[in-house]
Amino acid sequence: MYLAVAGNIGSGKTTLTTLLSKHMGFEPQYEDPGNNPYLFDFYSDMQRWSFNLQVYFLNTRLRQITQISKASKTVILDRTLYEDARIFAPNLHAMGLMAKRDYENYLLLFETVAELIPPPDLLIYLRGSIPALVDQIQQRGREYEDSIRLDYLRRLNERYEAWYESYTLGKKIEVSIDDLNFKENPEDLGKIVNQVKAELFGLFK
């Protein structure tokens, strides 16, 4: 079994993944931006590096989920395979930051990969307003995120909303980061834990 946390940049995916792993005994697996060879270049020149970055992410997530399928523990991921193909890549293409041939090539590659791996047993979507996302991005102070534009975040948010509403691959829940401060408030975290248990084990309904 594996769970996956989804959400826009700055929504708190890694934080929630860590907290849920501690409270529910899941094994956490994280996206590691520090070891990404394309991320800094991408934010400096999105048009030049967009295709390279998306292929890198796709390869990384394929390897990650392939390894999970061989494990005996329940794993929780701080990103899904689908966000890149359904949100980030189409957004880059729509903004003129990924060439049509690169975008079409990437989507074909994604569809092939998606057929080989199972969807998460539970998708946890972190929904956040632009002010909430910006606040959390500023708090964590990653240098390569300094150049993120507000219009870029807004476009991503719109695509996240549409993708989550149309997601039918498995069970899903949503968490509002504007309303629940799961990082600092144990009661808010408890509400999320109960939601997860209800979906996975049929409890607290």
N, C-alpha and C. Protein backbone atom coordinates (compact mmCIF):
# COMPACT_ATOMS: atom_id res chain seq x y z
N MET A 1 0.84 -1.20 0.00
CA MET A 1 0.00 0.00 0.00
C MET A 1 0.88 1.25 0.00
N TYR A 2 0.42 2.27 -0.75
CA TYR A 2 1.12 3.55 -0.64
C TYR A 2 0.14 4.71 -0.76
N LEU A 3 0.48 5.79 -0.06
CA LEU A 3 -0.29 7.02 -0.08
C LEU A 3 0.56 8.09 -0.73
N ALA A 4 -0.08 9.12 -1.26
CA ALA A 4 0.66 10.22 -1.88
C ALA A 4 0.01 11.54 -1.53
N VAL A 5 0.84 12.51 -1.18
CA VAL A 5 0.39 13.86 -0.87
C VAL A 5 0.63 14.73 -2.10
N ALA A 6 -0.39 15.47 -2.52
CA ALA A 6 -0.29 16.34 -3.68
C ALA A 6 -0.61 17.77 -3.29
N GLY A 7 -0.06 18.72 -4.02
CA GLY A 7 -0.35 20.12 -3.74
C GLY A 7 0.64 21.04 -4.42
N ASN A 8 0.26 22.27 -4.55
CA ASN A 8 1.07 23.28 -5.22
C ASN A 8 2.37 23.53 -4.46
N ILE A 9 3.26 24.25 -5.08
CA ILE A 9 4.53 24.64 -4.45
C ILE A 9 4.23 25.40 -3.16
N GLY A 10 4.84 24.96 -2.06
CA GLY A 10 4.65 25.66 -0.79
C GLY A 10 3.46 25.20 0.02
N SER A 11 2.76 24.17 -0.41
CA SER A 11 1.53 23.75 0.29
C SER A 11 1.80 22.93 1.55
N GLY A 12 3.02 22.43 1.71
CA GLY A 12 3.34 21.69 2.92
C GLY A 12 3.36 20.18 2.75
N LYS A 13 3.60 19.73 1.54
CA LYS A 13 3.58 18.28 1.25
C LYS A 13 4.59 17.52 2.09
N THR A 14 5.82 18.00 2.15
CA THR A 14 6.86 17.30 2.90
C THR A 14 6.56 17.31 4.39
N THR A 15 6.07 18.42 4.90
CA THR A 15 5.73 18.51 6.32
C THR A 15 4.64 17.52 6.69
N LEU A 16 3.57 17.47 5.91
CA LEU A 16 2.47 16.55 6.21
C LEU A 16 2.92 15.10 6.05
N THR A 17 3.73 14.83 5.06
CA THR A 17 4.25 13.48 4.87
C THR A 17 5.01 13.02 6.11
N THR A 18 5.85 13.89 6.63
CA THR A 18 6.64 13.57 7.82
C THR A 18 5.74 13.33 9.03
N LEU A 19 4.77 14.20 9.23
CA LEU A 19 3.89 14.09 10.40
C LEU A 19 3.03 12.83 10.33
N LEU A 20 2.48 12.53 9.17
CA LEU A 20 1.65 11.34 9.03
C LEU A 20 2.48 10.06 9.19
N SER A 21 3.71 10.10 8.70
CA SER A 21 4.56 8.92 8.85
C SER A 21 4.85 8.63 10.32
N LYS A 22 5.05 9.68 11.11
CA LYS A 22 5.33 9.51 12.54
C LYS A 22 4.09 9.04 13.31
N HIS A 23 2.93 9.58 12.97
CA HIS A 23 1.72 9.28 13.72
C HIS A 23 1.07 7.96 13.30
N MET A 24 1.33 7.51 12.07
CA MET A 24 0.63 6.33 11.57
C MET A 24 1.57 5.19 11.21
N GLY A 25 2.87 5.41 11.40
CA GLY A 25 3.82 4.33 11.17
C GLY A 25 4.12 4.06 9.71
N PHE A 26 3.84 5.02 8.84
CA PHE A 26 4.16 4.86 7.43
C PHE A 26 5.65 5.12 7.19
N GLU A 27 6.16 4.57 6.13
CA GLU A 27 7.54 4.87 5.73
C GLU A 27 7.52 6.05 4.75
N PRO A 28 8.14 7.18 5.12
CA PRO A 28 8.10 8.35 4.22
C PRO A 28 9.16 8.27 3.13
N GLN A 29 8.81 8.74 1.96
CA GLN A 29 9.77 8.90 0.88
C GLN A 29 9.55 10.28 0.28
N TYR A 30 10.67 10.99 0.10
CA TYR A 30 10.59 12.40 -0.24
C TYR A 30 11.20 12.72 -1.60
N GLU A 31 10.62 13.75 -2.22
CA GLU A 31 11.30 14.37 -3.35
C GLU A 31 12.48 15.15 -2.79
N ASP A 32 13.64 15.05 -3.43
CA ASP A 32 14.84 15.71 -2.90
C ASP A 32 15.28 16.82 -3.85
N PRO A 33 14.78 18.05 -3.64
CA PRO A 33 15.14 19.14 -4.55
C PRO A 33 16.62 19.48 -4.52
N GLY A 34 17.28 19.17 -3.39
CA GLY A 34 18.69 19.49 -3.29
C GLY A 34 19.57 18.71 -4.24
N ASN A 35 19.10 17.52 -4.64
CA ASN A 35 19.87 16.68 -5.56
C ASN A 35 19.36 16.74 -7.00
N ASN A 36 18.42 17.63 -7.26
CA ASN A 36 17.88 17.76 -8.61
C ASN A 36 18.83 18.60 -9.46
N PRO A 37 19.40 18.02 -10.53
CA PRO A 37 20.40 18.75 -11.31
C PRO A 37 19.83 19.82 -12.23
N TYR A 38 18.49 19.90 -12.32
CA TYR A 38 17.87 20.83 -13.26
C TYR A 38 17.10 21.96 -12.59
N LEU A 39 16.78 21.83 -11.31
CA LEU A 39 15.80 22.73 -10.70
C LEU A 39 16.25 24.19 -10.69
N PHE A 40 17.48 24.45 -10.28
CA PHE A 40 17.96 25.84 -10.22
C PHE A 40 17.99 26.44 -11.62
N ASP A 41 18.47 25.67 -12.59
CA ASP A 41 18.51 26.16 -13.98
C ASP A 41 17.10 26.41 -14.51
N PHE A 42 16.16 25.53 -14.13
CA PHE A 42 14.78 25.68 -14.60
C PHE A 42 14.18 27.01 -14.15
N TYR A 43 14.33 27.35 -12.88
CA TYR A 43 13.74 28.59 -12.39
C TYR A 43 14.46 29.81 -12.95
N SER A 44 15.68 29.64 -13.42
CA SER A 44 16.41 30.74 -14.05
C SER A 44 16.03 30.91 -15.52
N ASP A 45 15.71 29.78 -16.19
CA ASP A 45 15.37 29.81 -17.61
C ASP A 45 14.40 28.66 -17.89
N MET A 46 13.11 28.89 -17.63
CA MET A 46 12.11 27.82 -17.73
C MET A 46 12.00 27.25 -19.14
N GLN A 47 12.06 28.11 -20.13
CA GLN A 47 11.89 27.65 -21.50
C GLN A 47 13.00 26.68 -21.92
N ARG A 48 14.21 26.97 -21.51
CA ARG A 48 15.34 26.12 -21.89
C ARG A 48 15.31 24.77 -21.18
N TRP A 49 14.88 24.74 -19.92
CA TRP A 49 15.06 23.54 -19.11
C TRP A 49 13.78 22.81 -18.75
N SER A 50 12.63 23.25 -19.25
CA SER A 50 11.36 22.65 -18.85
C SER A 50 11.26 21.17 -19.22
N PHE A 51 11.61 20.83 -20.44
CA PHE A 51 11.51 19.43 -20.87
C PHE A 51 12.46 18.54 -20.07
N ASN A 52 13.67 19.00 -19.90
CA ASN A 52 14.67 18.23 -19.14
C ASN A 52 14.18 17.96 -17.73
N LEU A 53 13.62 18.98 -17.11
CA LEU A 53 13.15 18.85 -15.74
C LEU A 53 12.01 17.84 -15.63
N GLN A 54 11.04 17.91 -16.54
CA GLN A 54 9.90 17.01 -16.47
C GLN A 54 10.29 15.56 -16.72
N VAL A 55 11.22 15.32 -17.63
CA VAL A 55 11.69 13.96 -17.86
C VAL A 55 12.46 13.44 -16.64
N TYR A 56 13.23 14.30 -16.01
CA TYR A 56 13.94 13.91 -14.79
C TYR A 56 12.94 13.50 -13.70
N PHE A 57 11.89 14.30 -13.50
CA PHE A 57 10.89 13.97 -12.50
C PHE A 57 10.20 12.65 -12.82
N LEU A 58 9.85 12.45 -14.08
CA LEU A 58 9.15 11.23 -14.48
C LEU A 58 10.01 10.00 -14.20
N ASN A 59 11.26 10.08 -14.54
CA ASN A 59 12.18 8.97 -14.29
C ASN A 59 12.34 8.71 -12.80
N THR A 60 12.45 9.78 -12.02
CA THR A 60 12.62 9.64 -10.57
C THR A 60 11.40 8.98 -9.94
N ARG A 61 10.20 9.40 -10.35
CA ARG A 61 8.99 8.85 -9.75
C ARG A 61 8.74 7.41 -10.19
N LEU A 62 9.10 7.08 -11.41
CA LEU A 62 8.98 5.69 -11.86
C LEU A 62 9.86 4.77 -11.02
N ARG A 63 11.09 5.17 -10.81
CA ARG A 63 12.00 4.37 -10.00
C ARG A 63 11.49 4.24 -8.57
N GLN A 64 10.96 5.34 -8.05
CA GLN A 64 10.48 5.36 -6.67
C GLN A 64 9.31 4.39 -6.47
N ILE A 65 8.33 4.45 -7.35
CA ILE A 65 7.15 3.62 -7.19
C ILE A 65 7.45 2.16 -7.52
N THR A 66 8.37 1.93 -8.42
CA THR A 66 8.80 0.55 -8.70
C THR A 66 9.41 -0.07 -7.45
N GLN A 67 10.21 0.69 -6.73
CA GLN A 67 10.81 0.19 -5.50
C GLN A 67 9.76 -0.04 -4.41
N ILE A 68 8.75 0.84 -4.36
CA ILE A 68 7.68 0.70 -3.37
C ILE A 68 6.93 -0.61 -3.58
N SER A 69 6.70 -0.97 -4.83
CA SER A 69 5.94 -2.18 -5.13
C SER A 69 6.63 -3.44 -4.62
N LYS A 70 7.92 -3.33 -4.35
CA LYS A 70 8.67 -4.48 -3.84
C LYS A 70 8.77 -4.50 -2.33
N ALA A 71 8.31 -3.41 -1.68
CA ALA A 71 8.43 -3.29 -0.23
C ALA A 71 7.21 -3.89 0.46
N SER A 72 7.37 -4.23 1.73
CA SER A 72 6.28 -4.82 2.50
C SER A 72 5.60 -3.79 3.41
N LYS A 73 6.17 -2.58 3.51
CA LYS A 73 5.62 -1.55 4.38
C LYS A 73 4.67 -0.63 3.61
N THR A 74 3.82 0.07 4.37
CA THR A 74 3.00 1.12 3.78
C THR A 74 3.83 2.39 3.67
N VAL A 75 3.90 2.94 2.47
CA VAL A 75 4.76 4.08 2.18
C VAL A 75 3.90 5.31 1.90
N ILE A 76 4.40 6.47 2.30
CA ILE A 76 3.74 7.73 1.96
C ILE A 76 4.73 8.63 1.21
N LEU A 77 4.28 9.16 0.07
CA LEU A 77 5.12 10.00 -0.79
C LEU A 77 4.69 11.46 -0.68
N ASP A 78 5.64 12.36 -0.84
CA ASP A 78 5.29 13.79 -0.78
C ASP A 78 5.09 14.40 -2.17
N ARG A 79 4.78 13.58 -3.15
CA ARG A 79 4.46 14.05 -4.50
C ARG A 79 3.90 12.86 -5.27
N THR A 80 3.03 13.12 -6.25
CA THR A 80 2.49 12.04 -7.08
C THR A 80 3.13 12.06 -8.46
N LEU A 81 2.98 10.97 -9.15
CA LEU A 81 3.42 10.88 -10.54
C LEU A 81 2.62 11.80 -11.44
N TYR A 82 1.34 11.98 -11.10
CA TYR A 82 0.40 12.61 -12.02
C TYR A 82 0.51 14.13 -12.08
N GLU A 83 1.02 14.74 -11.04
CA GLU A 83 1.07 16.20 -11.00
C GLU A 83 1.93 16.78 -12.12
N ASP A 84 3.03 16.12 -12.42
CA ASP A 84 3.91 16.62 -13.47
C ASP A 84 3.19 16.65 -14.82
N ALA A 85 2.51 15.55 -15.14
CA ALA A 85 1.89 15.42 -16.46
C ALA A 85 0.56 16.15 -16.57
N ARG A 86 -0.17 16.26 -15.48
CA ARG A 86 -1.50 16.87 -15.54
C ARG A 86 -1.51 18.34 -15.16
N ILE A 87 -0.43 18.81 -14.54
CA ILE A 87 -0.42 20.19 -14.05
C ILE A 87 0.79 20.96 -14.56
N PHE A 88 1.99 20.50 -14.21
CA PHE A 88 3.18 21.29 -14.50
C PHE A 88 3.52 21.32 -15.99
N ALA A 89 3.55 20.18 -16.65
CA ALA A 89 3.90 20.15 -18.07
C ALA A 89 2.87 20.89 -18.93
N PRO A 90 1.54 20.66 -18.75
CA PRO A 90 0.59 21.42 -19.55
C PRO A 90 0.65 22.92 -19.28
N ASN A 91 0.95 23.28 -18.04
CA ASN A 91 1.07 24.70 -17.71
C ASN A 91 2.26 25.33 -18.43
N LEU A 92 3.37 24.63 -18.44
CA LEU A 92 4.56 25.12 -19.14
C LEU A 92 4.29 25.26 -20.63
N HIS A 93 3.60 24.28 -21.20
CA HIS A 93 3.28 24.34 -22.62
C HIS A 93 2.35 25.51 -22.92
N ALA A 94 1.32 25.70 -22.08
CA ALA A 94 0.35 26.78 -22.29
C ALA A 94 1.00 28.15 -22.17
N MET A 95 2.03 28.26 -21.34
CA MET A 95 2.72 29.54 -21.15
C MET A 95 3.81 29.77 -22.20
N GLY A 96 3.95 28.83 -23.14
CA GLY A 96 4.97 28.96 -24.16
C GLY A 96 6.36 28.63 -23.66
N LEU A 97 6.44 27.88 -22.57
CA LEU A 97 7.73 27.55 -21.96
C LEU A 97 8.18 26.11 -22.25
N MET A 98 7.34 25.37 -22.98
CA MET A 98 7.73 24.04 -23.46
C MET A 98 7.22 23.89 -24.89
N ALA A 99 8.12 23.55 -25.80
CA ALA A 99 7.75 23.42 -27.21
C ALA A 99 6.71 22.32 -27.40
N LYS A 100 5.89 22.46 -28.44
CA LYS A 100 4.83 21.49 -28.70
C LYS A 100 5.38 20.08 -28.85
N ARG A 101 6.44 19.91 -29.63
CA ARG A 101 6.98 18.57 -29.86
C ARG A 101 7.52 17.97 -28.56
N ASP A 102 8.14 18.79 -27.72
CA ASP A 102 8.64 18.29 -26.44
C ASP A 102 7.48 17.89 -25.54
N TYR A 103 6.43 18.71 -25.52
CA TYR A 103 5.26 18.43 -24.69
C TYR A 103 4.58 17.13 -25.13
N GLU A 104 4.39 16.96 -26.42
CA GLU A 104 3.74 15.75 -26.92
C GLU A 104 4.61 14.51 -26.67
N ASN A 105 5.90 14.66 -26.83
CA ASN A 105 6.83 13.56 -26.56
C ASN A 105 6.77 13.18 -25.08
N TYR A 106 6.75 14.19 -24.21
CA TYR A 106 6.68 13.93 -22.78
C TYR A 106 5.39 13.22 -22.40
N LEU A 107 4.25 13.66 -22.95
CA LEU A 107 2.97 13.04 -22.61
C LEU A 107 2.92 11.58 -23.04
N LEU A 108 3.47 11.27 -24.20
CA LEU A 108 3.51 9.88 -24.65
C LEU A 108 4.35 9.03 -23.69
N LEU A 109 5.45 9.58 -23.25
CA LEU A 109 6.31 8.88 -22.30
C LEU A 109 5.57 8.68 -20.98
N PHE A 110 4.87 9.72 -20.52
CA PHE A 110 4.11 9.61 -19.27
C PHE A 110 3.03 8.53 -19.37
N GLU A 111 2.27 8.52 -20.46
CA GLU A 111 1.20 7.53 -20.61
C GLU A 111 1.75 6.11 -20.56
N THR A 112 2.91 5.90 -21.15
CA THR A 112 3.54 4.58 -21.11
C THR A 112 3.90 4.20 -19.67
N VAL A 113 4.49 5.15 -18.95
CA VAL A 113 4.88 4.90 -17.57
C VAL A 113 3.66 4.67 -16.69
N ALA A 114 2.62 5.48 -16.87
CA ALA A 114 1.43 5.40 -16.02
C ALA A 114 0.74 4.05 -16.14
N GLU A 115 0.86 3.40 -17.28
CA GLU A 115 0.25 2.08 -17.46
C GLU A 115 0.99 1.00 -16.69
N LEU A 116 2.22 1.29 -16.29
CA LEU A 116 3.06 0.27 -15.65
C LEU A 116 2.97 0.27 -14.13
N ILE A 117 2.41 1.33 -13.56
CA ILE A 117 2.43 1.46 -12.10
C ILE A 117 1.02 1.70 -11.56
N PRO A 118 0.74 1.26 -10.34
CA PRO A 118 -0.59 1.47 -9.76
C PRO A 118 -0.72 2.87 -9.19
N PRO A 119 -1.95 3.40 -9.14
CA PRO A 119 -2.18 4.69 -8.48
C PRO A 119 -2.08 4.53 -6.97
N PRO A 120 -1.96 5.62 -6.23
CA PRO A 120 -1.89 5.50 -4.76
C PRO A 120 -3.20 4.97 -4.19
N ASP A 121 -3.10 4.29 -3.05
CA ASP A 121 -4.30 3.81 -2.37
C ASP A 121 -5.10 4.96 -1.78
N LEU A 122 -4.43 6.07 -1.52
CA LEU A 122 -5.11 7.28 -1.07
C LEU A 122 -4.33 8.49 -1.53
N LEU A 123 -5.04 9.43 -2.14
CA LEU A 123 -4.46 10.72 -2.54
C LEU A 123 -4.89 11.77 -1.53
N ILE A 124 -3.93 12.50 -0.97
CA ILE A 124 -4.21 13.59 -0.03
C ILE A 124 -3.84 14.90 -0.72
N TYR A 125 -4.84 15.72 -1.01
CA TYR A 125 -4.61 16.97 -1.73
C TYR A 125 -4.59 18.15 -0.77
N LEU A 126 -3.50 18.90 -0.78
CA LEU A 126 -3.37 20.11 0.03
C LEU A 126 -3.79 21.31 -0.79
N ARG A 127 -4.95 21.88 -0.43
CA ARG A 127 -5.48 23.04 -1.15
C ARG A 127 -5.08 24.31 -0.41
N GLY A 128 -4.55 25.30 -1.15
CA GLY A 128 -4.13 26.53 -0.50
C GLY A 128 -4.36 27.75 -1.38
N SER A 129 -4.68 28.87 -0.76
CA SER A 129 -4.79 30.13 -1.49
C SER A 129 -3.39 30.62 -1.86
N ILE A 130 -3.32 31.54 -2.80
CA ILE A 130 -2.02 32.08 -3.21
C ILE A 130 -1.30 32.76 -2.03
N PRO A 131 -1.98 33.59 -1.20
CA PRO A 131 -1.28 34.18 -0.05
C PRO A 131 -0.70 33.14 0.90
N ALA A 132 -1.44 32.06 1.14
CA ALA A 132 -0.94 31.01 2.04
C ALA A 132 0.28 30.31 1.44
N LEU A 133 0.25 30.06 0.15
CA LEU A 133 1.38 29.41 -0.52
C LEU A 133 2.61 30.31 -0.49
N VAL A 134 2.42 31.58 -0.82
CA VAL A 134 3.54 32.53 -0.83
C VAL A 134 4.16 32.64 0.56
N ASP A 135 3.33 32.70 1.58
CA ASP A 135 3.83 32.80 2.95
C ASP A 135 4.71 31.61 3.30
N GLN A 136 4.29 30.42 2.92
CA GLN A 136 5.07 29.23 3.26
C GLN A 136 6.33 29.12 2.41
N ILE A 137 6.26 29.56 1.17
CA ILE A 137 7.46 29.57 0.32
C ILE A 137 8.51 30.51 0.91
N GLN A 138 8.06 31.67 1.36
CA GLN A 138 8.99 32.64 1.94
C GLN A 138 9.58 32.13 3.25
N GLN A 139 8.78 31.44 4.04
CA GLN A 139 9.26 30.93 5.32
C GLN A 139 10.38 29.90 5.14
N ARG A 140 10.28 29.06 4.12
CA ARG A 140 11.31 28.02 3.98
C ARG A 140 12.57 28.53 3.28
N GLY A 141 12.47 29.64 2.57
CA GLY A 141 13.65 30.34 2.09
C GLY A 141 14.57 29.59 1.15
N ARG A 142 14.00 28.84 0.20
CA ARG A 142 14.83 28.16 -0.79
C ARG A 142 15.25 29.15 -1.88
N GLU A 143 16.54 29.25 -2.10
CA GLU A 143 17.05 30.27 -3.02
C GLU A 143 16.48 30.14 -4.42
N TYR A 144 16.35 28.91 -4.91
CA TYR A 144 15.90 28.73 -6.29
C TYR A 144 14.41 29.08 -6.46
N GLU A 145 13.67 29.24 -5.35
CA GLU A 145 12.26 29.60 -5.44
C GLU A 145 12.02 31.11 -5.39
N ASP A 146 13.09 31.88 -5.23
CA ASP A 146 12.94 33.34 -5.12
C ASP A 146 12.34 33.96 -6.38
N SER A 147 12.57 33.32 -7.53
CA SER A 147 12.14 33.90 -8.80
C SER A 147 10.77 33.40 -9.26
N ILE A 148 10.08 32.60 -8.44
CA ILE A 148 8.75 32.11 -8.83
C ILE A 148 7.77 33.28 -8.95
N ARG A 149 7.08 33.36 -10.07
CA ARG A 149 6.15 34.46 -10.30
C ARG A 149 4.77 34.12 -9.75
N LEU A 150 4.03 35.14 -9.33
CA LEU A 150 2.68 34.92 -8.80
C LEU A 150 1.75 34.35 -9.86
N ASP A 151 1.88 34.81 -11.10
CA ASP A 151 1.01 34.30 -12.14
C ASP A 151 1.28 32.82 -12.40
N TYR A 152 2.52 32.40 -12.20
CA TYR A 152 2.86 30.99 -12.34
C TYR A 152 2.17 30.17 -11.26
N LEU A 153 2.20 30.63 -10.02
CA LEU A 153 1.51 29.94 -8.92
C LEU A 153 0.00 29.90 -9.16
N ARG A 154 -0.57 30.99 -9.64
CA ARG A 154 -2.02 31.04 -9.88
C ARG A 154 -2.43 30.03 -10.95
N ARG A 155 -1.67 29.98 -12.01
CA ARG A 155 -1.98 29.02 -13.08
C ARG A 155 -1.90 27.59 -12.56
N LEU A 156 -0.88 27.31 -11.76
CA LEU A 156 -0.75 25.98 -11.19
C LEU A 156 -1.94 25.67 -10.28
N ASN A 157 -2.35 26.63 -9.48
CA ASN A 157 -3.48 26.41 -8.57
C ASN A 157 -4.76 26.07 -9.33
N GLU A 158 -4.99 26.77 -10.42
CA GLU A 158 -6.18 26.50 -11.23
C GLU A 158 -6.14 25.08 -11.79
N ARG A 159 -4.97 24.65 -12.22
CA ARG A 159 -4.85 23.30 -12.77
C ARG A 159 -4.95 22.24 -11.67
N TYR A 160 -4.42 22.54 -10.50
CA TYR A 160 -4.56 21.60 -9.38
C TYR A 160 -6.03 21.38 -9.04
N GLU A 161 -6.80 22.47 -8.98
CA GLU A 161 -8.21 22.36 -8.65
C GLU A 161 -8.94 21.49 -9.67
N ALA A 162 -8.70 21.74 -10.93
CA ALA A 162 -9.37 20.98 -12.00
C ALA A 162 -8.96 19.51 -11.97
N TRP A 163 -7.67 19.27 -11.74
CA TRP A 163 -7.18 17.89 -11.71
C TRP A 163 -7.78 17.13 -10.53
N TYR A 164 -7.79 17.74 -9.35
CA TYR A 164 -8.30 17.04 -8.18
C TYR A 164 -9.79 16.71 -8.35
N GLU A 165 -10.55 17.65 -8.86
CA GLU A 165 -11.99 17.42 -9.04
C GLU A 165 -12.26 16.28 -10.01
N SER A 166 -11.39 16.11 -11.00
CA SER A 166 -11.61 15.07 -12.02
C SER A 166 -10.88 13.77 -11.71
N TYR A 167 -10.13 13.72 -10.61
CA TYR A 167 -9.34 12.53 -10.27
C TYR A 167 -10.27 11.38 -9.88
N THR A 168 -10.15 10.25 -10.58
CA THR A 168 -11.01 9.09 -10.33
C THR A 168 -10.23 7.79 -10.22
N LEU A 169 -8.92 7.88 -10.01
CA LEU A 169 -8.10 6.67 -9.99
C LEU A 169 -8.15 5.93 -8.66
N GLY A 170 -8.69 6.56 -7.62
CA GLY A 170 -8.75 5.91 -6.32
C GLY A 170 -9.32 6.85 -5.27
N LYS A 171 -9.18 6.48 -4.02
CA LYS A 171 -9.70 7.28 -2.92
C LYS A 171 -8.92 8.59 -2.81
N LYS A 172 -9.62 9.64 -2.33
CA LYS A 172 -8.96 10.93 -2.21
C LYS A 172 -9.61 11.74 -1.10
N ILE A 173 -8.80 12.60 -0.46
CA ILE A 173 -9.30 13.57 0.51
C ILE A 173 -8.59 14.89 0.26
N GLU A 174 -9.19 15.98 0.72
CA GLU A 174 -8.55 17.28 0.58
C GLU A 174 -8.36 17.92 1.94
N VAL A 175 -7.30 18.71 2.06
CA VAL A 175 -6.97 19.42 3.30
C VAL A 175 -6.71 20.88 2.95
N SER A 176 -7.39 21.79 3.63
CA SER A 176 -7.20 23.22 3.39
C SER A 176 -6.08 23.74 4.29
N ILE A 177 -5.00 24.23 3.69
CA ILE A 177 -3.91 24.77 4.49
C ILE A 177 -4.25 26.16 5.02
N ASP A 178 -5.30 26.78 4.49
CA ASP A 178 -5.76 28.06 5.03
C ASP A 178 -6.51 27.86 6.34
N ASP A 179 -7.14 26.69 6.49
CA ASP A 179 -7.99 26.43 7.65
C ASP A 179 -7.33 25.53 8.69
N LEU A 180 -6.39 24.68 8.28
CA LEU A 180 -5.77 23.72 9.19
C LEU A 180 -4.26 23.94 9.25
N ASN A 181 -3.77 24.28 10.41
CA ASN A 181 -2.33 24.46 10.62
C ASN A 181 -1.76 23.18 11.22
N PHE A 182 -1.63 22.16 10.38
CA PHE A 182 -1.22 20.84 10.88
C PHE A 182 0.23 20.82 11.35
N LYS A 183 1.02 21.80 10.93
CA LYS A 183 2.42 21.85 11.35
C LYS A 183 2.56 22.20 12.83
N GLU A 184 1.72 23.10 13.31
CA GLU A 184 1.87 23.61 14.67
C GLU A 184 0.71 23.27 15.61
N ASN A 185 -0.40 22.83 15.06
CA ASN A 185 -1.58 22.57 15.88
C ASN A 185 -1.90 21.07 15.88
N PRO A 186 -1.67 20.37 17.00
CA PRO A 186 -1.94 18.93 17.08
C PRO A 186 -3.39 18.56 16.80
N GLU A 187 -4.33 19.44 17.17
CA GLU A 187 -5.74 19.14 16.92
C GLU A 187 -6.04 19.13 15.42
N ASP A 188 -5.43 20.07 14.69
CA ASP A 188 -5.63 20.10 13.24
C ASP A 188 -5.02 18.86 12.59
N LEU A 189 -3.85 18.46 13.06
CA LEU A 189 -3.23 17.25 12.53
C LEU A 189 -4.10 16.03 12.84
N GLY A 190 -4.68 16.01 14.04
CA GLY A 190 -5.55 14.90 14.43
C GLY A 190 -6.74 14.74 13.50
N LYS A 191 -7.29 15.86 13.03
CA LYS A 191 -8.41 15.81 12.09
C LYS A 191 -7.99 15.12 10.79
N ILE A 192 -6.79 15.43 10.34
CA ILE A 192 -6.30 14.82 9.10
C ILE A 192 -6.04 13.34 9.30
N VAL A 193 -5.44 12.98 10.43
CA VAL A 193 -5.18 11.57 10.74
C VAL A 193 -6.48 10.79 10.73
N ASN A 194 -7.53 11.35 11.32
CA ASN A 194 -8.83 10.67 11.35
C ASN A 194 -9.41 10.51 9.95
N GLN A 195 -9.22 11.52 9.11
CA GLN A 195 -9.68 11.42 7.72
C GLN A 195 -8.97 10.29 6.99
N VAL A 196 -7.66 10.21 7.19
CA VAL A 196 -6.88 9.17 6.53
C VAL A 196 -7.32 7.79 7.01
N LYS A 197 -7.49 7.63 8.31
CA LYS A 197 -7.93 6.35 8.85
C LYS A 197 -9.30 5.96 8.32
N ALA A 198 -10.19 6.94 8.21
CA ALA A 198 -11.53 6.67 7.72
C ALA A 198 -11.51 6.12 6.29
N GLU A 199 -10.67 6.71 5.46
CA GLU A 199 -10.60 6.26 4.07
C GLU A 199 -9.89 4.92 3.92
N LEU A 200 -8.84 4.72 4.71
CA LEU A 200 -8.05 3.49 4.57
C LEU A 200 -8.68 2.30 5.30
N PHE A 201 -9.24 2.58 6.47
CA PHE A 201 -9.66 1.47 7.34
C PHE A 201 -11.14 1.51 7.72
N GLY A 202 -11.88 2.52 7.24
CA GLY A 202 -13.30 2.61 7.53
C GLY A 202 -13.62 3.03 8.93
N LEU A 203 -12.71 3.73 9.62
CA LEU A 203 -12.92 4.15 10.99
C LEU A 203 -13.40 5.59 11.03
N PHE A 204 -14.00 5.96 12.17
CA PHE A 204 -14.40 7.33 12.47
C PHE A 204 -15.43 7.89 11.49
N LYS A 205 -16.19 7.02 10.84
CA LYS A 205 -17.23 7.51 9.93
C LYS A 205 -18.53 7.65 10.69
